[in-house]
Amino acid sequence: MSIPDFVHWLRLFRTHFPDDSRLTDLGISWYPGPRQPEHDSRLDQARDVGSYSPYHVSLSSWGVDEARIQVCVQGEGEALFWVGSSIDLDRCYYGFDDKQLDQIRDLLATHREEIFAAWERYRVYAKPARARWLTRLGEVGAA
């Protein structure tokens, strides 16, 4: 999709869905034109927190201005947690029972600094990428 077409549809999207979470992805993982594999690969690397047997933890938040960090924990199941001053379950998609969710919460607390480091690494890369796209999209991207 061309940039002018994207801007047209973005205006419509913002008008009808002003609170849609995908707007936080604008210029980071959501941009006009073909995918940019090198960019997407760098984002994936930056979002990876690590593996802590038997779980893998990665950032799930895309927006660079979030107050809390959303992480995805995968293992026998998949769950999203909010990490900030506290660690709160957002939702469990499948596979984890209450005991496992408590264990995962403790695991995230233990690795909180690594989560914050991944978040900062992600933001250092994503913020300028977003700013470049917003500039290319014109004032509609900055609204």
N, C-alpha and C. Protein backbone atom coordinates (compact mmCIF):
# COMPACT_ATOMS: atom_id res chain seq x y z
N MET A 1 0.85 -1.17 0.00
CA MET A 1 0.00 0.00 0.00
C MET A 1 0.90 1.24 0.00
N SER A 2 0.52 2.19 -0.80
CA SER A 2 1.30 3.42 -0.86
C SER A 2 1.10 4.25 0.42
N ILE A 3 2.03 5.17 0.67
CA ILE A 3 1.91 6.02 1.86
C ILE A 3 0.65 6.87 1.81
N PRO A 4 0.31 7.53 0.68
CA PRO A 4 -0.94 8.31 0.67
C PRO A 4 -2.18 7.44 0.94
N ASP A 5 -2.22 6.23 0.39
CA ASP A 5 -3.35 5.34 0.66
C ASP A 5 -3.38 4.93 2.13
N PHE A 6 -2.22 4.64 2.67
CA PHE A 6 -2.14 4.25 4.08
C PHE A 6 -2.64 5.39 4.97
N VAL A 7 -2.21 6.61 4.67
CA VAL A 7 -2.64 7.78 5.45
C VAL A 7 -4.15 7.94 5.38
N HIS A 8 -4.72 7.75 4.20
CA HIS A 8 -6.18 7.83 4.04
C HIS A 8 -6.88 6.82 4.95
N TRP A 9 -6.45 5.57 4.90
CA TRP A 9 -7.08 4.52 5.72
C TRP A 9 -6.78 4.71 7.20
N LEU A 10 -5.62 5.23 7.50
CA LEU A 10 -5.28 5.51 8.90
C LEU A 10 -6.21 6.57 9.48
N ARG A 11 -6.50 7.61 8.72
CA ARG A 11 -7.44 8.64 9.18
C ARG A 11 -8.81 8.02 9.47
N LEU A 12 -9.29 7.19 8.58
CA LEU A 12 -10.58 6.53 8.79
C LEU A 12 -10.53 5.62 10.02
N PHE A 13 -9.46 4.88 10.15
CA PHE A 13 -9.31 3.96 11.28
C PHE A 13 -9.32 4.73 12.59
N ARG A 14 -8.55 5.83 12.64
CA ARG A 14 -8.50 6.64 13.86
C ARG A 14 -9.86 7.26 14.18
N THR A 15 -10.60 7.65 13.17
CA THR A 15 -11.92 8.24 13.38
C THR A 15 -12.88 7.24 14.02
N HIS A 16 -12.84 6.02 13.52
CA HIS A 16 -13.81 5.02 13.97
C HIS A 16 -13.32 4.15 15.12
N PHE A 17 -12.01 4.06 15.30
CA PHE A 17 -11.45 3.22 16.36
C PHE A 17 -10.32 3.97 17.09
N PRO A 18 -10.62 5.11 17.71
CA PRO A 18 -9.55 5.95 18.28
C PRO A 18 -8.79 5.30 19.43
N ASP A 19 -9.37 4.32 20.09
CA ASP A 19 -8.70 3.68 21.22
C ASP A 19 -8.13 2.32 20.88
N ASP A 20 -8.10 1.96 19.62
CA ASP A 20 -7.61 0.64 19.23
C ASP A 20 -6.13 0.51 19.58
N SER A 21 -5.78 -0.61 20.18
CA SER A 21 -4.40 -0.81 20.62
C SER A 21 -3.42 -0.88 19.46
N ARG A 22 -3.89 -1.19 18.27
CA ARG A 22 -2.98 -1.25 17.12
C ARG A 22 -2.37 0.11 16.79
N LEU A 23 -3.01 1.18 17.22
CA LEU A 23 -2.44 2.50 16.96
C LEU A 23 -1.11 2.69 17.68
N THR A 24 -0.88 1.97 18.77
CA THR A 24 0.41 2.05 19.45
C THR A 24 1.51 1.37 18.63
N ASP A 25 1.11 0.51 17.68
CA ASP A 25 2.07 -0.18 16.82
C ASP A 25 2.49 0.65 15.62
N LEU A 26 1.79 1.77 15.40
CA LEU A 26 2.03 2.58 14.21
C LEU A 26 3.48 3.02 14.12
N GLY A 27 4.09 2.68 13.00
CA GLY A 27 5.48 3.04 12.76
C GLY A 27 6.47 2.08 13.38
N ILE A 28 5.97 1.12 14.14
CA ILE A 28 6.86 0.13 14.75
C ILE A 28 6.68 -1.20 14.02
N SER A 29 5.52 -1.82 14.19
CA SER A 29 5.25 -3.06 13.47
C SER A 29 4.14 -2.88 12.44
N TRP A 30 3.56 -1.70 12.40
CA TRP A 30 2.48 -1.40 11.46
C TRP A 30 2.87 -0.19 10.65
N TYR A 31 3.13 -0.40 9.38
CA TYR A 31 3.58 0.65 8.49
C TYR A 31 3.21 0.26 7.06
N PRO A 32 3.16 1.22 6.14
CA PRO A 32 2.78 0.90 4.77
C PRO A 32 3.90 0.19 4.02
N GLY A 33 3.50 -0.48 2.96
CA GLY A 33 4.49 -1.13 2.10
C GLY A 33 4.81 -2.54 2.56
N PRO A 34 5.79 -3.13 1.90
CA PRO A 34 6.15 -4.51 2.23
C PRO A 34 6.82 -4.60 3.60
N ARG A 35 6.76 -5.79 4.18
CA ARG A 35 7.44 -6.04 5.46
C ARG A 35 8.92 -5.72 5.29
N GLN A 36 9.54 -5.33 6.37
CA GLN A 36 10.97 -5.04 6.40
C GLN A 36 11.63 -6.09 7.29
N PRO A 37 12.08 -7.19 6.70
CA PRO A 37 12.58 -8.33 7.50
C PRO A 37 13.68 -7.97 8.48
N GLU A 38 14.62 -7.11 8.09
CA GLU A 38 15.69 -6.75 9.02
C GLU A 38 15.15 -5.99 10.22
N HIS A 39 14.24 -5.06 9.97
CA HIS A 39 13.59 -4.30 11.04
C HIS A 39 12.81 -5.24 11.95
N ASP A 40 11.99 -6.11 11.36
CA ASP A 40 11.18 -7.04 12.16
C ASP A 40 12.06 -7.98 12.99
N SER A 41 13.17 -8.41 12.41
CA SER A 41 14.09 -9.29 13.13
C SER A 41 14.72 -8.56 14.33
N ARG A 42 15.10 -7.30 14.14
CA ARG A 42 15.67 -6.52 15.25
C ARG A 42 14.64 -6.32 16.35
N LEU A 43 13.38 -6.07 15.97
CA LEU A 43 12.33 -5.94 16.98
C LEU A 43 12.16 -7.23 17.76
N ASP A 44 12.14 -8.36 17.06
CA ASP A 44 11.99 -9.65 17.73
C ASP A 44 13.14 -9.91 18.70
N GLN A 45 14.35 -9.60 18.27
CA GLN A 45 15.51 -9.80 19.15
C GLN A 45 15.43 -8.89 20.37
N ALA A 46 15.02 -7.66 20.17
CA ALA A 46 14.93 -6.71 21.28
C ALA A 46 13.84 -7.12 22.26
N ARG A 47 12.76 -7.72 21.78
CA ARG A 47 11.62 -8.10 22.62
C ARG A 47 11.84 -9.39 23.39
N ASP A 48 12.86 -10.14 23.04
CA ASP A 48 13.11 -11.43 23.70
C ASP A 48 13.72 -11.21 25.08
N VAL A 49 13.06 -11.73 26.10
CA VAL A 49 13.59 -11.63 27.47
C VAL A 49 14.46 -12.82 27.78
N GLY A 50 13.98 -14.03 27.50
CA GLY A 50 14.79 -15.22 27.73
C GLY A 50 13.96 -16.45 28.04
N SER A 51 14.64 -17.56 28.15
CA SER A 51 14.01 -18.84 28.49
C SER A 51 14.43 -19.22 29.90
N TYR A 52 13.44 -19.59 30.69
CA TYR A 52 13.64 -20.00 32.07
C TYR A 52 12.84 -21.28 32.24
N SER A 53 13.52 -22.38 32.08
CA SER A 53 12.89 -23.70 32.00
C SER A 53 11.72 -23.84 32.97
N PRO A 54 10.58 -24.21 32.49
CA PRO A 54 10.18 -24.61 31.14
C PRO A 54 9.47 -23.50 30.37
N TYR A 55 9.75 -22.23 30.66
CA TYR A 55 9.02 -21.13 30.07
C TYR A 55 9.90 -20.25 29.18
N HIS A 56 9.26 -19.63 28.22
CA HIS A 56 9.93 -18.61 27.42
C HIS A 56 9.18 -17.30 27.63
N VAL A 57 9.93 -16.22 27.86
CA VAL A 57 9.34 -14.92 28.17
C VAL A 57 9.78 -13.91 27.11
N SER A 58 8.79 -13.17 26.59
CA SER A 58 9.08 -12.11 25.63
C SER A 58 8.15 -10.94 25.90
N LEU A 59 8.57 -9.78 25.43
CA LEU A 59 7.72 -8.60 25.57
C LEU A 59 6.53 -8.76 24.64
N SER A 60 5.37 -8.39 25.12
CA SER A 60 4.17 -8.44 24.31
C SER A 60 3.70 -7.04 23.96
N SER A 61 4.11 -6.04 24.72
CA SER A 61 3.75 -4.65 24.43
C SER A 61 4.45 -4.21 23.16
N TRP A 62 3.76 -3.42 22.35
CA TRP A 62 4.38 -2.85 21.16
C TRP A 62 4.60 -1.36 21.30
N GLY A 63 3.67 -0.68 21.93
CA GLY A 63 3.78 0.76 22.07
C GLY A 63 4.97 1.12 22.94
N VAL A 64 5.65 2.19 22.59
CA VAL A 64 6.87 2.57 23.31
C VAL A 64 6.59 3.48 24.50
N ASP A 65 5.34 3.88 24.68
CA ASP A 65 5.01 4.81 25.75
C ASP A 65 4.15 4.18 26.84
N GLU A 66 4.10 2.88 26.90
CA GLU A 66 3.29 2.19 27.89
C GLU A 66 3.85 2.44 29.29
N ALA A 67 2.96 2.55 30.26
CA ALA A 67 3.39 2.73 31.66
C ALA A 67 3.83 1.40 32.26
N ARG A 68 3.17 0.33 31.83
CA ARG A 68 3.54 -1.00 32.31
C ARG A 68 4.00 -1.83 31.11
N ILE A 69 4.72 -2.87 31.41
CA ILE A 69 5.25 -3.75 30.38
C ILE A 69 4.39 -5.00 30.34
N GLN A 70 3.94 -5.36 29.16
CA GLN A 70 3.18 -6.60 29.02
C GLN A 70 4.14 -7.66 28.50
N VAL A 71 4.18 -8.80 29.19
CA VAL A 71 5.03 -9.90 28.75
C VAL A 71 4.17 -11.12 28.44
N CYS A 72 4.66 -11.89 27.49
CA CYS A 72 4.02 -13.15 27.11
C CYS A 72 4.88 -14.28 27.65
N VAL A 73 4.24 -15.20 28.35
CA VAL A 73 4.93 -16.37 28.89
C VAL A 73 4.37 -17.59 28.17
N GLN A 74 5.26 -18.37 27.57
CA GLN A 74 4.85 -19.58 26.86
C GLN A 74 5.55 -20.78 27.45
N GLY A 75 4.84 -21.87 27.49
CA GLY A 75 5.35 -23.14 27.98
C GLY A 75 4.33 -24.19 27.58
N GLU A 76 3.74 -24.85 28.57
CA GLU A 76 2.64 -25.77 28.28
C GLU A 76 1.38 -24.98 27.91
N GLY A 77 1.42 -23.71 28.11
CA GLY A 77 0.31 -22.83 27.80
C GLY A 77 0.85 -21.48 27.39
N GLU A 78 -0.04 -20.49 27.41
CA GLU A 78 0.38 -19.13 27.08
C GLU A 78 -0.44 -18.16 27.92
N ALA A 79 0.27 -17.19 28.51
CA ALA A 79 -0.39 -16.19 29.35
C ALA A 79 0.32 -14.85 29.19
N LEU A 80 -0.46 -13.79 29.39
CA LEU A 80 0.08 -12.44 29.36
C LEU A 80 0.02 -11.86 30.77
N PHE A 81 1.11 -11.22 31.17
CA PHE A 81 1.20 -10.57 32.47
C PHE A 81 1.60 -9.12 32.26
N TRP A 82 1.14 -8.25 33.16
CA TRP A 82 1.59 -6.86 33.23
C TRP A 82 2.68 -6.79 34.29
N VAL A 83 3.81 -6.20 33.94
CA VAL A 83 4.92 -6.06 34.87
C VAL A 83 5.18 -4.57 35.06
N GLY A 84 5.08 -4.14 36.28
CA GLY A 84 5.33 -2.75 36.67
C GLY A 84 5.73 -2.78 38.13
N SER A 85 5.10 -1.95 38.93
CA SER A 85 5.36 -2.00 40.37
C SER A 85 4.83 -3.30 40.97
N SER A 86 3.86 -3.91 40.28
CA SER A 86 3.36 -5.23 40.67
C SER A 86 3.34 -6.10 39.42
N ILE A 87 3.10 -7.37 39.60
CA ILE A 87 3.01 -8.30 38.48
C ILE A 87 1.60 -8.87 38.50
N ASP A 88 0.84 -8.55 37.44
CA ASP A 88 -0.56 -8.92 37.39
C ASP A 88 -0.87 -9.73 36.15
N LEU A 89 -1.66 -10.77 36.32
CA LEU A 89 -2.10 -11.56 35.18
C LEU A 89 -3.07 -10.74 34.35
N ASP A 90 -2.79 -10.64 33.07
CA ASP A 90 -3.73 -10.00 32.14
C ASP A 90 -4.73 -11.05 31.68
N ARG A 91 -4.22 -12.11 31.07
CA ARG A 91 -5.09 -13.21 30.66
C ARG A 91 -4.26 -14.46 30.41
N CYS A 92 -4.90 -15.57 30.64
CA CYS A 92 -4.30 -16.87 30.36
C CYS A 92 -5.08 -17.46 29.20
N TYR A 93 -4.40 -17.68 28.10
CA TYR A 93 -5.08 -18.20 26.92
C TYR A 93 -5.41 -19.68 27.08
N TYR A 94 -4.45 -20.46 27.56
CA TYR A 94 -4.67 -21.91 27.73
C TYR A 94 -3.50 -22.52 28.47
N GLY A 95 -3.72 -23.68 29.04
CA GLY A 95 -2.66 -24.56 29.50
C GLY A 95 -2.07 -24.36 30.88
N PHE A 96 -2.28 -23.26 31.56
CA PHE A 96 -1.69 -23.05 32.88
C PHE A 96 -2.79 -23.09 33.93
N ASP A 97 -2.53 -23.83 35.02
CA ASP A 97 -3.47 -23.82 36.13
C ASP A 97 -3.06 -22.73 37.12
N ASP A 98 -3.85 -22.55 38.17
CA ASP A 98 -3.58 -21.47 39.13
C ASP A 98 -2.21 -21.60 39.79
N LYS A 99 -1.80 -22.82 40.10
CA LYS A 99 -0.49 -23.02 40.73
C LYS A 99 0.64 -22.60 39.78
N GLN A 100 0.52 -22.97 38.51
CA GLN A 100 1.54 -22.58 37.53
C GLN A 100 1.56 -21.06 37.34
N LEU A 101 0.40 -20.45 37.32
CA LEU A 101 0.34 -18.99 37.17
C LEU A 101 1.03 -18.29 38.34
N ASP A 102 0.87 -18.84 39.56
CA ASP A 102 1.58 -18.29 40.72
C ASP A 102 3.09 -18.48 40.57
N GLN A 103 3.51 -19.64 40.07
CA GLN A 103 4.94 -19.90 39.85
C GLN A 103 5.51 -18.94 38.80
N ILE A 104 4.73 -18.70 37.77
CA ILE A 104 5.18 -17.79 36.71
C ILE A 104 5.29 -16.37 37.26
N ARG A 105 4.34 -15.98 38.07
CA ARG A 105 4.40 -14.64 38.69
C ARG A 105 5.69 -14.50 39.50
N ASP A 106 6.04 -15.53 40.28
CA ASP A 106 7.28 -15.51 41.05
C ASP A 106 8.50 -15.47 40.13
N LEU A 107 8.46 -16.23 39.04
CA LEU A 107 9.56 -16.24 38.07
C LEU A 107 9.75 -14.84 37.47
N LEU A 108 8.65 -14.20 37.13
CA LEU A 108 8.75 -12.85 36.56
C LEU A 108 9.30 -11.86 37.57
N ALA A 109 8.93 -12.02 38.82
CA ALA A 109 9.47 -11.15 39.86
C ALA A 109 10.99 -11.35 39.99
N THR A 110 11.43 -12.58 39.90
CA THR A 110 12.85 -12.89 39.98
C THR A 110 13.63 -12.28 38.82
N HIS A 111 13.00 -12.23 37.65
CA HIS A 111 13.67 -11.75 36.43
C HIS A 111 13.18 -10.36 36.01
N ARG A 112 12.66 -9.62 36.95
CA ARG A 112 12.13 -8.28 36.67
C ARG A 112 13.17 -7.38 36.01
N GLU A 113 14.40 -7.39 36.48
CA GLU A 113 15.45 -6.52 35.91
C GLU A 113 15.73 -6.89 34.46
N GLU A 114 15.70 -8.17 34.13
CA GLU A 114 15.91 -8.59 32.74
C GLU A 114 14.75 -8.14 31.86
N ILE A 115 13.54 -8.16 32.41
CA ILE A 115 12.37 -7.67 31.67
C ILE A 115 12.52 -6.18 31.41
N PHE A 116 12.90 -5.42 32.42
CA PHE A 116 13.10 -3.98 32.25
C PHE A 116 14.22 -3.69 31.25
N ALA A 117 15.28 -4.49 31.28
CA ALA A 117 16.39 -4.31 30.34
C ALA A 117 15.92 -4.58 28.91
N ALA A 118 15.13 -5.62 28.71
CA ALA A 118 14.59 -5.92 27.38
C ALA A 118 13.68 -4.80 26.92
N TRP A 119 12.87 -4.27 27.85
CA TRP A 119 11.97 -3.17 27.51
C TRP A 119 12.76 -1.94 27.04
N GLU A 120 13.83 -1.63 27.75
CA GLU A 120 14.65 -0.48 27.38
C GLU A 120 15.33 -0.72 26.03
N ARG A 121 15.84 -1.93 25.83
CA ARG A 121 16.49 -2.29 24.56
C ARG A 121 15.48 -2.13 23.40
N TYR A 122 14.27 -2.60 23.62
CA TYR A 122 13.22 -2.48 22.62
C TYR A 122 12.89 -1.02 22.33
N ARG A 123 12.72 -0.22 23.39
CA ARG A 123 12.37 1.19 23.22
C ARG A 123 13.46 1.98 22.50
N VAL A 124 14.72 1.67 22.80
CA VAL A 124 15.84 2.37 22.16
C VAL A 124 15.81 2.16 20.65
N TYR A 125 15.38 0.99 20.22
CA TYR A 125 15.29 0.73 18.79
C TYR A 125 13.95 1.21 18.22
N ALA A 126 12.85 0.94 18.91
CA ALA A 126 11.52 1.19 18.37
C ALA A 126 11.15 2.67 18.30
N LYS A 127 11.57 3.46 19.29
CA LYS A 127 11.20 4.89 19.29
C LYS A 127 11.68 5.63 18.04
N PRO A 128 12.96 5.52 17.67
CA PRO A 128 13.40 6.20 16.46
C PRO A 128 12.74 5.64 15.19
N ALA A 129 12.50 4.32 15.17
CA ALA A 129 11.83 3.72 14.01
C ALA A 129 10.43 4.30 13.88
N ARG A 130 9.74 4.43 14.98
CA ARG A 130 8.40 5.00 14.97
C ARG A 130 8.44 6.47 14.53
N ALA A 131 9.38 7.22 15.06
CA ALA A 131 9.50 8.64 14.71
C ALA A 131 9.76 8.82 13.21
N ARG A 132 10.59 7.95 12.62
CA ARG A 132 10.85 8.04 11.18
C ARG A 132 9.56 7.84 10.38
N TRP A 133 8.77 6.84 10.77
CA TRP A 133 7.53 6.59 10.05
C TRP A 133 6.52 7.71 10.27
N LEU A 134 6.40 8.20 11.48
CA LEU A 134 5.45 9.27 11.73
C LEU A 134 5.79 10.50 10.90
N THR A 135 7.07 10.78 10.75
CA THR A 135 7.49 11.89 9.91
C THR A 135 7.09 11.64 8.46
N ARG A 136 7.30 10.43 7.99
CA ARG A 136 6.94 10.11 6.60
C ARG A 136 5.43 10.14 6.37
N LEU A 137 4.66 9.84 7.42
CA LEU A 137 3.21 9.83 7.29
C LEU A 137 2.61 11.22 7.41
N GLY A 138 3.40 12.18 7.84
CA GLY A 138 2.91 13.55 7.97
C GLY A 138 2.17 13.75 9.27
N GLU A 139 1.46 14.85 9.36
CA GLU A 139 0.84 15.22 10.63
C GLU A 139 -0.20 14.22 11.10
N VAL A 140 -0.82 13.45 10.20
CA VAL A 140 -1.81 12.47 10.65
C VAL A 140 -1.15 11.43 11.55
N GLY A 141 0.11 11.12 11.29
CA GLY A 141 0.80 10.14 12.13
C GLY A 141 1.12 10.65 13.51
N ALA A 142 1.21 11.95 13.66
CA ALA A 142 1.57 12.53 14.96
C ALA A 142 0.36 12.79 15.83
N ALA A 143 -0.84 12.70 15.26
CA ALA A 143 -2.06 13.00 16.04
C ALA A 143 -2.35 11.93 17.05
